[in-house]
């Protein structure tokens, strides 16, 4: 987690990612996490309520909106 991630390269385990070309002006805490598609960044606000870790998928997945109530 970081207040504002601006890495030139981000590594989680064996996965490596580079930032997009455009710079986003987001000033909120972000979480870097691993999905089956690769490394993703998401707002840290309510991350634990909107995502769940599954060993089967070996990463984080977004919960269904019906499960968030």
PDB file of N, CA and C in Angstrom:
ATOM      1  N   UNK A   1       0.848  -1.163   0.000  1.00  0.00           N
ATOM      2  CA  UNK A   1       0.000   0.000   0.000  1.00  0.00           C
ATOM      3  C   UNK A   1       0.899   1.232   0.000  1.00  0.00           C
ATOM      4  N   UNK A   2       0.474   2.231  -0.727  1.00  0.00           N
ATOM      5  CA  UNK A   2       1.202   3.499  -0.783  1.00  0.00           C
ATOM      6  C   UNK A   2       0.210   4.631  -0.970  1.00  0.00           C
ATOM      7  N   UNK A   3       0.576   5.822  -0.505  1.00  0.00           N
ATOM      8  CA  UNK A   3      -0.305   6.968  -0.682  1.00  0.00           C
ATOM      9  C   UNK A   3      -0.409   7.335  -2.159  1.00  0.00           C
ATOM     10  N   UNK A   4       0.707   7.286  -2.858  1.00  0.00           N
ATOM     11  CA  UNK A   4       0.687   7.580  -4.298  1.00  0.00           C
ATOM     12  C   UNK A   4       1.791   6.766  -4.962  1.00  0.00           C
ATOM     13  N   UNK A   5       1.406   5.733  -5.674  1.00  0.00           N
ATOM     14  CA  UNK A   5       2.397   4.875  -6.312  1.00  0.00           C
ATOM     15  C   UNK A   5       2.852   5.494  -7.622  1.00  0.00           C
ATOM     16  N   UNK A   6       4.155   5.610  -7.771  1.00  0.00           N
ATOM     17  CA  UNK A   6       4.747   6.095  -9.011  1.00  0.00           C
ATOM     18  C   UNK A   6       5.974   5.247  -9.341  1.00  0.00           C
ATOM     19  N   UNK A   7       5.814   3.934  -9.401  1.00  0.00           N
ATOM     20  CA  UNK A   7       6.984   3.088  -9.651  1.00  0.00           C
ATOM     21  C   UNK A   7       7.375   3.103 -11.128  1.00  0.00           C
ATOM     22  N   UNK A   8       8.649   2.868 -11.393  1.00  0.00           N
ATOM     23  CA  UNK A   8       9.072   2.638 -12.771  1.00  0.00           C
ATOM     24  C   UNK A   8       8.875   1.173 -13.110  1.00  0.00           C
ATOM     25  N   UNK A   9       8.858   0.345 -12.058  1.00  0.00           N
ATOM     26  CA  UNK A   9       8.605  -1.083 -12.210  1.00  0.00           C
ATOM     27  C   UNK A   9       8.057  -1.579 -10.884  1.00  0.00           C
ATOM     28  N   UNK A  10       7.064  -2.448 -10.931  1.00  0.00           N
ATOM     29  CA  UNK A  10       6.452  -2.994  -9.726  1.00  0.00           C
ATOM     30  C   UNK A  10       6.522  -4.508  -9.813  1.00  0.00           C
ATOM     31  N   UNK A  11       7.033  -5.138  -8.751  1.00  0.00           N
ATOM     32  CA  UNK A  11       7.175  -6.590  -8.746  1.00  0.00           C
ATOM     33  C   UNK A  11       6.466  -7.165  -7.526  1.00  0.00           C
ATOM     34  N   UNK A  12       5.648  -8.189  -7.766  1.00  0.00           N
ATOM     35  CA  UNK A  12       5.028  -8.971  -6.702  1.00  0.00           C
ATOM     36  C   UNK A  12       5.333 -10.424  -7.037  1.00  0.00           C
ATOM     37  N   UNK A  13       6.192 -11.056  -6.257  1.00  0.00           N
ATOM     38  CA  UNK A  13       6.599 -12.428  -6.548  1.00  0.00           C
ATOM     39  C   UNK A  13       7.288 -12.487  -7.898  1.00  0.00           C
ATOM     40  N   UNK A  14       6.785 -13.324  -8.785  1.00  0.00           N
ATOM     41  CA  UNK A  14       7.350 -13.472 -10.128  1.00  0.00           C
ATOM     42  C   UNK A  14       6.751 -12.487 -11.133  1.00  0.00           C
ATOM     43  N   UNK A  15       5.679 -11.799 -10.755  1.00  0.00           N
ATOM     44  CA  UNK A  15       4.989 -10.880 -11.671  1.00  0.00           C
ATOM     45  C   UNK A  15       5.676  -9.512 -11.673  1.00  0.00           C
ATOM     46  N   UNK A  16       5.820  -8.943 -12.856  1.00  0.00           N
ATOM     47  CA  UNK A  16       6.434  -7.624 -13.021  1.00  0.00           C
ATOM     48  C   UNK A  16       5.511  -6.768 -13.883  1.00  0.00           C
ATOM     49  N   UNK A  17       5.346  -5.504 -13.503  1.00  0.00           N
ATOM     50  CA  UNK A  17       4.499  -4.593 -14.278  1.00  0.00           C
ATOM     51  C   UNK A  17       5.188  -3.242 -14.400  1.00  0.00           C
ATOM     52  N   UNK A  18       4.862  -2.540 -15.459  1.00  0.00           N
ATOM     53  CA  UNK A  18       5.339  -1.174 -15.677  1.00  0.00           C
ATOM     54  C   UNK A  18       4.122  -0.250 -15.671  1.00  0.00           C
ATOM     55  N   UNK A  19       4.319   1.014 -15.301  1.00  0.00           N
ATOM     56  CA  UNK A  19       3.179   1.935 -15.238  1.00  0.00           C
ATOM     57  C   UNK A  19       2.675   2.299 -16.630  1.00  0.00           C
ATOM     58  N   UNK A  20       1.425   2.765 -16.708  1.00  0.00           N
ATOM     59  CA  UNK A  20       0.908   3.235 -18.000  1.00  0.00           C
ATOM     60  C   UNK A  20       1.634   4.509 -18.419  1.00  0.00           C
ATOM     61  N   UNK A  21       1.501   4.875 -19.672  1.00  0.00           N
ATOM     62  CA  UNK A  21       2.181   6.055 -20.199  1.00  0.00           C
ATOM     63  C   UNK A  21       1.713   7.354 -19.578  1.00  0.00           C
ATOM     64  N   UNK A  22       0.422   7.462 -19.288  1.00  0.00           N
ATOM     65  CA  UNK A  22      -0.105   8.708 -18.730  1.00  0.00           C
ATOM     66  C   UNK A  22      -0.004   8.701 -17.204  1.00  0.00           C
ATOM     67  N   UNK A  23       0.206   9.873 -16.646  1.00  0.00           N
ATOM     68  CA  UNK A  23       0.289  10.025 -15.195  1.00  0.00           C
ATOM     69  C   UNK A  23      -1.086  10.405 -14.675  1.00  0.00           C
ATOM     70  N   UNK A  24      -1.570   9.631 -13.711  1.00  0.00           N
ATOM     71  CA  UNK A  24      -2.878   9.922 -13.130  1.00  0.00           C
ATOM     72  C   UNK A  24      -2.706  10.814 -11.913  1.00  0.00           C
ATOM     73  N   UNK A  25      -3.590  11.756 -11.754  1.00  0.00           N
ATOM     74  CA  UNK A  25      -3.539  12.685 -10.629  1.00  0.00           C
ATOM     75  C   UNK A  25      -4.455  12.211  -9.507  1.00  0.00           C
ATOM     76  N   UNK A  26      -4.211  11.023  -9.029  1.00  0.00           N
ATOM     77  CA  UNK A  26      -5.007  10.444  -7.948  1.00  0.00           C
ATOM     78  C   UNK A  26      -4.226  10.604  -6.651  1.00  0.00           C
ATOM     79  N   UNK A  27      -4.856  11.203  -5.658  1.00  0.00           N
ATOM     80  CA  UNK A  27      -4.205  11.407  -4.374  1.00  0.00           C
ATOM     81  C   UNK A  27      -4.971  10.664  -3.291  1.00  0.00           C
ATOM     82  N   UNK A  28      -4.908   9.336  -3.353  1.00  0.00           N
ATOM     83  CA  UNK A  28      -5.515   8.499  -2.328  1.00  0.00           C
ATOM     84  C   UNK A  28      -4.662   7.256  -2.177  1.00  0.00           C
ATOM     85  N   UNK A  29      -4.769   6.621  -1.033  1.00  0.00           N
ATOM     86  CA  UNK A  29      -3.994   5.404  -0.795  1.00  0.00           C
ATOM     87  C   UNK A  29      -4.385   4.335  -1.800  1.00  0.00           C
ATOM     88  N   UNK A  30      -3.382   3.625  -2.320  1.00  0.00           N
ATOM     89  CA  UNK A  30      -3.619   2.583  -3.309  1.00  0.00           C
ATOM     90  C   UNK A  30      -3.021   1.267  -2.827  1.00  0.00           C
ATOM     91  N   UNK A  31      -3.603   0.179  -3.283  1.00  0.00           N
ATOM     92  CA  UNK A  31      -3.120  -1.162  -2.988  1.00  0.00           C
ATOM     93  C   UNK A  31      -2.699  -1.800  -4.303  1.00  0.00           C
ATOM     94  N   UNK A  32      -1.510  -2.382  -4.326  1.00  0.00           N
ATOM     95  CA  UNK A  32      -1.080  -3.179  -5.477  1.00  0.00           C
ATOM     96  C   UNK A  32      -1.364  -4.628  -5.121  1.00  0.00           C
ATOM     97  N   UNK A  33      -2.012  -5.352  -6.044  1.00  0.00           N
ATOM     98  CA  UNK A  33      -2.355  -6.746  -5.761  1.00  0.00           C
ATOM     99  C   UNK A  33      -2.230  -7.580  -7.021  1.00  0.00           C
ATOM    100  N   UNK A  34      -2.151  -8.883  -6.831  1.00  0.00           N
ATOM    101  CA  UNK A  34      -1.937  -9.807  -7.933  1.00  0.00           C
ATOM    102  C   UNK A  34      -3.226 -10.535  -8.279  1.00  0.00           C
ATOM    103  N   UNK A  35      -3.575 -10.543  -9.562  1.00  0.00           N
ATOM    104  CA  UNK A  35      -4.724 -11.299 -10.060  1.00  0.00           C
ATOM    105  C   UNK A  35      -4.208 -12.308 -11.080  1.00  0.00           C
ATOM    106  N   UNK A  36      -5.101 -13.103 -11.617  1.00  0.00           N
ATOM    107  CA  UNK A  36      -4.695 -14.051 -12.654  1.00  0.00           C
ATOM    108  C   UNK A  36      -4.246 -13.322 -13.915  1.00  0.00           C
ATOM    109  N   UNK A  37      -4.696 -12.072 -14.110  1.00  0.00           N
ATOM    110  CA  UNK A  37      -4.298 -11.271 -15.272  1.00  0.00           C
ATOM    111  C   UNK A  37      -2.995 -10.515 -15.050  1.00  0.00           C
ATOM    112  N   UNK A  38      -2.537 -10.405 -13.805  1.00  0.00           N
ATOM    113  CA  UNK A  38      -1.304  -9.682 -13.505  1.00  0.00           C
ATOM    114  C   UNK A  38      -1.481  -8.732 -12.338  1.00  0.00           C
ATOM    115  N   UNK A  39      -0.587  -7.772 -12.223  1.00  0.00           N
ATOM    116  CA  UNK A  39      -0.606  -6.805 -11.128  1.00  0.00           C
ATOM    117  C   UNK A  39      -1.622  -5.712 -11.429  1.00  0.00           C
ATOM    118  N   UNK A  40      -2.400  -5.356 -10.421  1.00  0.00           N
ATOM    119  CA  UNK A  40      -3.407  -4.300 -10.542  1.00  0.00           C
ATOM    120  C   UNK A  40      -3.235  -3.318  -9.385  1.00  0.00           C
ATOM    121  N   UNK A  41      -3.653  -2.081  -9.587  1.00  0.00           N
ATOM    122  CA  UNK A  41      -3.711  -1.068  -8.536  1.00  0.00           C
ATOM    123  C   UNK A  41      -5.161  -0.698  -8.318  1.00  0.00           C
ATOM    124  N   UNK A  42      -5.522  -0.502  -7.063  1.00  0.00           N
ATOM    125  CA  UNK A  42      -6.900  -0.163  -6.720  1.00  0.00           C
ATOM    126  C   UNK A  42      -6.875   0.755  -5.506  1.00  0.00           C
ATOM    127  N   UNK A  43      -7.883   1.573  -5.373  1.00  0.00           N
ATOM    128  CA  UNK A  43      -8.018   2.423  -4.196  1.00  0.00           C
ATOM    129  C   UNK A  43      -8.043   1.554  -2.942  1.00  0.00           C
ATOM    130  N   UNK A  44      -7.319   1.970  -1.912  1.00  0.00           N
ATOM    131  CA  UNK A  44      -7.272   1.202  -0.669  1.00  0.00           C
ATOM    132  C   UNK A  44      -8.561   1.344   0.134  1.00  0.00           C
ATOM    133  N   UNK A  45      -9.350   2.365  -0.182  1.00  0.00           N
ATOM    134  CA  UNK A  45     -10.600   2.589   0.528  1.00  0.00           C
ATOM    135  C   UNK A  45     -11.538   1.407   0.310  1.00  0.00           C
ATOM    136  N   UNK A  46     -11.871   0.711   1.351  1.00  0.00           N
ATOM    137  CA  UNK A  46     -12.777  -0.449   1.332  1.00  0.00           C
ATOM    138  C   UNK A  46     -12.260  -1.623   0.499  1.00  0.00           C
ATOM    139  N   UNK A  47     -10.956  -1.705   0.254  1.00  0.00           N
ATOM    140  CA  UNK A  47     -10.418  -2.798  -0.559  1.00  0.00           C
ATOM    141  C   UNK A  47     -10.799  -4.159   0.020  1.00  0.00           C
ATOM    142  N   UNK A  48     -10.705  -4.295   1.343  1.00  0.00           N
ATOM    143  CA  UNK A  48     -11.033  -5.585   1.960  1.00  0.00           C
ATOM    144  C   UNK A  48     -12.518  -5.917   1.859  1.00  0.00           C
ATOM    145  N   UNK A  49     -13.360  -4.937   1.600  1.00  0.00           N
ATOM    146  CA  UNK A  49     -14.794  -5.199   1.433  1.00  0.00           C
ATOM    147  C   UNK A  49     -15.149  -5.526  -0.013  1.00  0.00           C
ATOM    148  N   UNK A  50     -14.326  -5.094  -0.951  1.00  0.00           N
ATOM    149  CA  UNK A  50     -14.645  -5.289  -2.365  1.00  0.00           C
ATOM    150  C   UNK A  50     -13.839  -6.401  -3.025  1.00  0.00           C
ATOM    151  N   UNK A  51     -12.808  -6.910  -2.344  1.00  0.00           N
ATOM    152  CA  UNK A  51     -11.952  -7.949  -2.915  1.00  0.00           C
ATOM    153  C   UNK A  51     -11.727  -9.071  -1.906  1.00  0.00           C
ATOM    154  N   UNK A  52     -11.461 -10.260  -2.424  1.00  0.00           N
ATOM    155  CA  UNK A  52     -11.167 -11.410  -1.575  1.00  0.00           C
ATOM    156  C   UNK A  52     -10.021 -12.200  -2.189  1.00  0.00           C
ATOM    157  N   UNK A  53      -9.182 -12.778  -1.333  1.00  0.00           N
ATOM    158  CA  UNK A  53      -8.076 -13.594  -1.816  1.00  0.00           C
ATOM    159  C   UNK A  53      -8.518 -15.043  -1.862  1.00  0.00           C
ATOM    160  N   UNK A  54      -8.247 -15.715  -2.977  1.00  0.00           N
ATOM    161  CA  UNK A  54      -8.570 -17.135  -3.090  1.00  0.00           C
ATOM    162  C   UNK A  54      -7.322 -17.896  -3.502  1.00  0.00           C
ATOM    163  N   UNK A  55      -7.023 -18.953  -2.751  1.00  0.00           N
ATOM    164  CA  UNK A  55      -5.864 -19.789  -3.062  1.00  0.00           C
ATOM    165  C   UNK A  55      -6.064 -20.500  -4.397  1.00  0.00           C
ATOM    166  N   UNK A  56      -7.313 -20.837  -4.704  1.00  0.00           N
ATOM    167  CA  UNK A  56      -7.616 -21.516  -5.971  1.00  0.00           C
ATOM    168  C   UNK A  56      -7.189 -20.664  -7.161  1.00  0.00           C
ATOM    169  N   UNK A  57      -7.517 -19.374  -7.123  1.00  0.00           N
ATOM    170  CA  UNK A  57      -7.151 -18.451  -8.201  1.00  0.00           C
ATOM    171  C   UNK A  57      -5.739 -17.900  -8.036  1.00  0.00           C
ATOM    172  N   UNK A  58      -5.136 -18.161  -6.888  1.00  0.00           N
ATOM    173  CA  UNK A  58      -3.799 -17.675  -6.550  1.00  0.00           C
ATOM    174  C   UNK A  58      -3.702 -16.160  -6.683  1.00  0.00           C
ATOM    175  N   UNK A  59      -4.725 -15.474  -6.212  1.00  0.00           N
ATOM    176  CA  UNK A  59      -4.712 -14.017  -6.259  1.00  0.00           C
ATOM    177  C   UNK A  59      -6.005 -13.431  -5.739  1.00  0.00           C
ATOM    178  N   UNK A  60      -6.130 -12.139  -5.897  1.00  0.00           N
ATOM    179  CA  UNK A  60      -7.302 -11.402  -5.445  1.00  0.00           C
ATOM    180  C   UNK A  60      -8.341 -11.347  -6.549  1.00  0.00           C
ATOM    181  N   UNK A  61      -9.602 -11.425  -6.155  1.00  0.00           N
ATOM    182  CA  UNK A  61     -10.703 -11.277  -7.101  1.00  0.00           C
ATOM    183  C   UNK A  61     -11.701 -10.292  -6.527  1.00  0.00           C
ATOM    184  N   UNK A  62     -12.397  -9.598  -7.402  1.00  0.00           N
ATOM    185  CA  UNK A  62     -13.413  -8.656  -6.955  1.00  0.00           C
ATOM    186  C   UNK A  62     -14.663  -9.426  -6.575  1.00  0.00           C
ATOM    187  N   UNK A  63     -15.222  -9.074  -5.419  1.00  0.00           N
ATOM    188  CA  UNK A  63     -16.455  -9.716  -4.974  1.00  0.00           C
ATOM    189  C   UNK A  63     -17.609  -9.271  -5.854  1.00  0.00           C
ATOM    190  N   UNK A  64     -18.621 -10.110  -5.960  1.00  0.00           N
ATOM    191  CA  UNK A  64     -19.832  -9.734  -6.694  1.00  0.00           C
ATOM    192  C   UNK A  64     -20.511  -8.595  -5.968  1.00  0.00           C
ATOM    193  N   UNK A  65     -21.114  -7.683  -6.711  1.00  0.00           N
ATOM    194  CA  UNK A  65     -21.787  -6.539  -6.091  1.00  0.00           C
ATOM    195  C   UNK A  65     -22.921  -6.992  -5.188  1.00  0.00           C
ATOM    196  N   UNK A  66     -23.526  -8.150  -5.455  1.00  0.00           N
ATOM    197  CA  UNK A  66     -24.611  -8.654  -4.608  1.00  0.00           C
ATOM    198  C   UNK A  66     -24.087  -9.111  -3.254  1.00  0.00           C
ATOM    199  N   UNK A  67     -22.775  -9.435  -3.155  1.00  0.00           N
ATOM    200  CA  UNK A  67     -22.186  -9.868  -1.894  1.00  0.00           C
ATOM    201  C   UNK A  67     -21.723  -8.701  -1.035  1.00  0.00           C
ATOM    202  N   UNK A  68     -21.767  -7.490  -1.549  1.00  0.00           N
ATOM    203  CA  UNK A  68     -21.244  -6.338  -0.830  1.00  0.00           C
ATOM    204  C   UNK A  68     -22.240  -5.722   0.133  1.00  0.00           C
ATOM    205  N   UNK A  69     -23.486  -6.100   0.061  1.00  0.00           N
ATOM    206  CA  UNK A  69     -24.510  -5.492   0.908  1.00  0.00           C
ATOM    207  C   UNK A  69     -24.387  -5.907   2.349  1.00  0.00           C
TER     208      UNK A  69
END
